[in-house]
Amino acid sequence: MSITNQYDIYYIVGKNIKKYRKQKGMTQKELAEKLLLSENFVSKLESDTYQTISIDTLKQFADVLDVKIMYFFDEEVVKNSL
C-alpha cells in the first residue's frame, strides 16, 4: 500500500493503534478509559471509517501504549495484513 491521501494515513494509524492495543492485552474499552475517551471513538479509529485524530491525542495513545508516536505511521502492519 502506498499513501496517496489523508484517508490512507488514518487507516494506517488506526490499524497500528489496534495492533499495539492488542499487544498490550487491552480492550477498546480499557484503552478508552485510560485516555478518558469514549469507546466509540477508539472503535471508529481502529475501523475503516477514517476517524480523524489530533497529534496531541495520538501522543496520548502512544504514551498509554508505551510506543513511539512514529510507530503509528508504519505501513508494514497494513502490508502484512493484506
C-alpha atoms as a PDB file:
ATOM      1  CA  MET A   1       0.000   0.000   0.000  1.00  0.00           C
ATOM      2  CA  SER A   2       1.305   3.435  -0.805  1.00  0.00           C
ATOM      3  CA  ILE A   3      -0.019   6.514   0.902  1.00  0.00           C
ATOM      4  CA  THR A   4      -1.945   8.532  -1.648  1.00  0.00           C
ATOM      5  CA  ASN A   5      -4.240  10.628   0.544  1.00  0.00           C
ATOM      6  CA  GLN A   6      -5.184  11.508   4.107  1.00  0.00           C
ATOM      7  CA  TYR A   7      -7.536   8.534   4.374  1.00  0.00           C
ATOM      8  CA  ASP A   8      -4.619   6.160   3.858  1.00  0.00           C
ATOM      9  CA  ILE A   9      -2.862   7.791   6.803  1.00  0.00           C
ATOM     10  CA  TYR A  10      -5.936   7.468   9.048  1.00  0.00           C
ATOM     11  CA  TYR A  11      -6.265   3.824   8.023  1.00  0.00           C
ATOM     12  CA  ILE A  12      -2.616   3.054   8.823  1.00  0.00           C
ATOM     13  CA  VAL A  13      -2.734   4.899  12.145  1.00  0.00           C
ATOM     14  CA  GLY A  14      -5.919   3.088  13.163  1.00  0.00           C
ATOM     15  CA  LYS A  15      -4.564  -0.346  12.283  1.00  0.00           C
ATOM     16  CA  ASN A  16      -1.354   0.337  14.194  1.00  0.00           C
ATOM     17  CA  ILE A  17      -3.238   1.533  17.265  1.00  0.00           C
ATOM     18  CA  LYS A  18      -5.220  -1.698  17.166  1.00  0.00           C
ATOM     19  CA  LYS A  19      -2.010  -3.724  16.817  1.00  0.00           C
ATOM     20  CA  TYR A  20      -0.320  -2.108  19.817  1.00  0.00           C
ATOM     21  CA  ARG A  21      -3.502  -2.191  21.914  1.00  0.00           C
ATOM     22  CA  LYS A  22      -3.811  -5.930  21.332  1.00  0.00           C
ATOM     23  CA  GLN A  23      -0.123  -6.448  22.116  1.00  0.00           C
ATOM     24  CA  LYS A  24      -0.789  -4.821  25.492  1.00  0.00           C
ATOM     25  CA  GLY A  25      -3.749  -7.166  26.010  1.00  0.00           C
ATOM     26  CA  MET A  26      -6.159  -4.249  26.307  1.00  0.00           C
ATOM     27  CA  THR A  27      -9.737  -3.990  25.129  1.00  0.00           C
ATOM     28  CA  GLN A  28     -11.004  -0.902  23.339  1.00  0.00           C
ATOM     29  CA  LYS A  29     -12.969  -0.058  26.473  1.00  0.00           C
ATOM     30  CA  GLU A  30      -9.883  -0.297  28.711  1.00  0.00           C
ATOM     31  CA  LEU A  31      -7.861   1.886  26.352  1.00  0.00           C
ATOM     32  CA  ALA A  32     -10.655   4.442  26.102  1.00  0.00           C
ATOM     33  CA  GLU A  33     -10.960   4.603  29.894  1.00  0.00           C
ATOM     34  CA  LYS A  34      -7.212   5.189  30.320  1.00  0.00           C
ATOM     35  CA  LEU A  35      -7.391   8.014  27.774  1.00  0.00           C
ATOM     36  CA  LEU A  36     -10.660   9.466  29.099  1.00  0.00           C
ATOM     37  CA  LEU A  37     -12.168   8.978  25.642  1.00  0.00           C
ATOM     38  CA  SER A  38     -15.264   7.143  24.502  1.00  0.00           C
ATOM     39  CA  GLU A  39     -15.055   3.519  23.493  1.00  0.00           C
ATOM     40  CA  ASN A  40     -16.881   4.559  20.322  1.00  0.00           C
ATOM     41  CA  PHE A  41     -14.016   6.913  19.396  1.00  0.00           C
ATOM     42  CA  VAL A  42     -11.428   4.149  19.806  1.00  0.00           C
ATOM     43  CA  SER A  43     -13.624   1.763  17.831  1.00  0.00           C
ATOM     44  CA  LYS A  44     -14.028   4.214  14.957  1.00  0.00           C
ATOM     45  CA  LEU A  45     -10.319   4.987  14.998  1.00  0.00           C
ATOM     46  CA  GLU A  46      -9.453   1.302  14.608  1.00  0.00           C
ATOM     47  CA  SER A  47     -12.084   0.657  11.947  1.00  0.00           C
ATOM     48  CA  ASP A  48     -12.253   1.648   8.311  1.00  0.00           C
ATOM     49  CA  THR A  49     -14.285   4.816   8.991  1.00  0.00           C
ATOM     50  CA  TYR A  50     -11.242   7.106   8.802  1.00  0.00           C
ATOM     51  CA  GLN A  51     -11.769   8.771  12.166  1.00  0.00           C
ATOM     52  CA  THR A  52      -9.584  11.861  12.459  1.00  0.00           C
ATOM     53  CA  ILE A  53      -7.266  12.307  15.432  1.00  0.00           C
ATOM     54  CA  SER A  54      -5.167  15.202  16.660  1.00  0.00           C
ATOM     55  CA  ILE A  55      -1.441  14.871  17.192  1.00  0.00           C
ATOM     56  CA  ASP A  56      -1.955  15.622  20.896  1.00  0.00           C
ATOM     57  CA  THR A  57      -4.430  12.748  21.244  1.00  0.00           C
ATOM     58  CA  LEU A  58      -2.211  10.462  19.190  1.00  0.00           C
ATOM     59  CA  LYS A  59       0.632  11.253  21.610  1.00  0.00           C
ATOM     60  CA  GLN A  60      -1.613  10.221  24.493  1.00  0.00           C
ATOM     61  CA  PHE A  61      -2.281   6.899  22.734  1.00  0.00           C
ATOM     62  CA  ALA A  62       1.467   6.423  22.300  1.00  0.00           C
ATOM     63  CA  ASP A  63       2.103   7.137  25.984  1.00  0.00           C
ATOM     64  CA  VAL A  64      -0.578   4.717  27.204  1.00  0.00           C
ATOM     65  CA  LEU A  65       0.511   2.007  24.764  1.00  0.00           C
ATOM     66  CA  ASP A  66       4.181   2.678  25.541  1.00  0.00           C
ATOM     67  CA  VAL A  67       5.284   3.148  21.922  1.00  0.00           C
ATOM     68  CA  LYS A  68       6.848   5.963  19.960  1.00  0.00           C
ATOM     69  CA  ILE A  69       4.263   8.062  18.134  1.00  0.00           C
ATOM     70  CA  MET A  70       6.042   7.450  14.830  1.00  0.00           C
ATOM     71  CA  TYR A  71       5.228   3.727  15.102  1.00  0.00           C
ATOM     72  CA  PHE A  72       1.599   4.552  14.352  1.00  0.00           C
ATOM     73  CA  PHE A  73       2.616   5.626  10.839  1.00  0.00           C
ATOM     74  CA  ASP A  74       4.365   2.350   9.939  1.00  0.00           C
ATOM     75  CA  GLU A  75       2.855   0.940   6.743  1.00  0.00           C
ATOM     76  CA  GLU A  76       4.206  -2.580   7.356  1.00  0.00           C
ATOM     77  CA  VAL A  77       1.306  -3.597   9.595  1.00  0.00           C
ATOM     78  CA  VAL A  78      -1.065  -2.906   6.705  1.00  0.00           C
ATOM     79  CA  LYS A  79       1.100  -4.710   4.163  1.00  0.00           C
ATOM     80  CA  ASN A  80       1.361  -7.757   6.411  1.00  0.00           C
ATOM     81  CA  SER A  81      -2.396  -7.916   6.919  1.00  0.00           C
ATOM     82  CA  LEU A  82      -3.254  -7.974   3.201  1.00  0.00           C
END
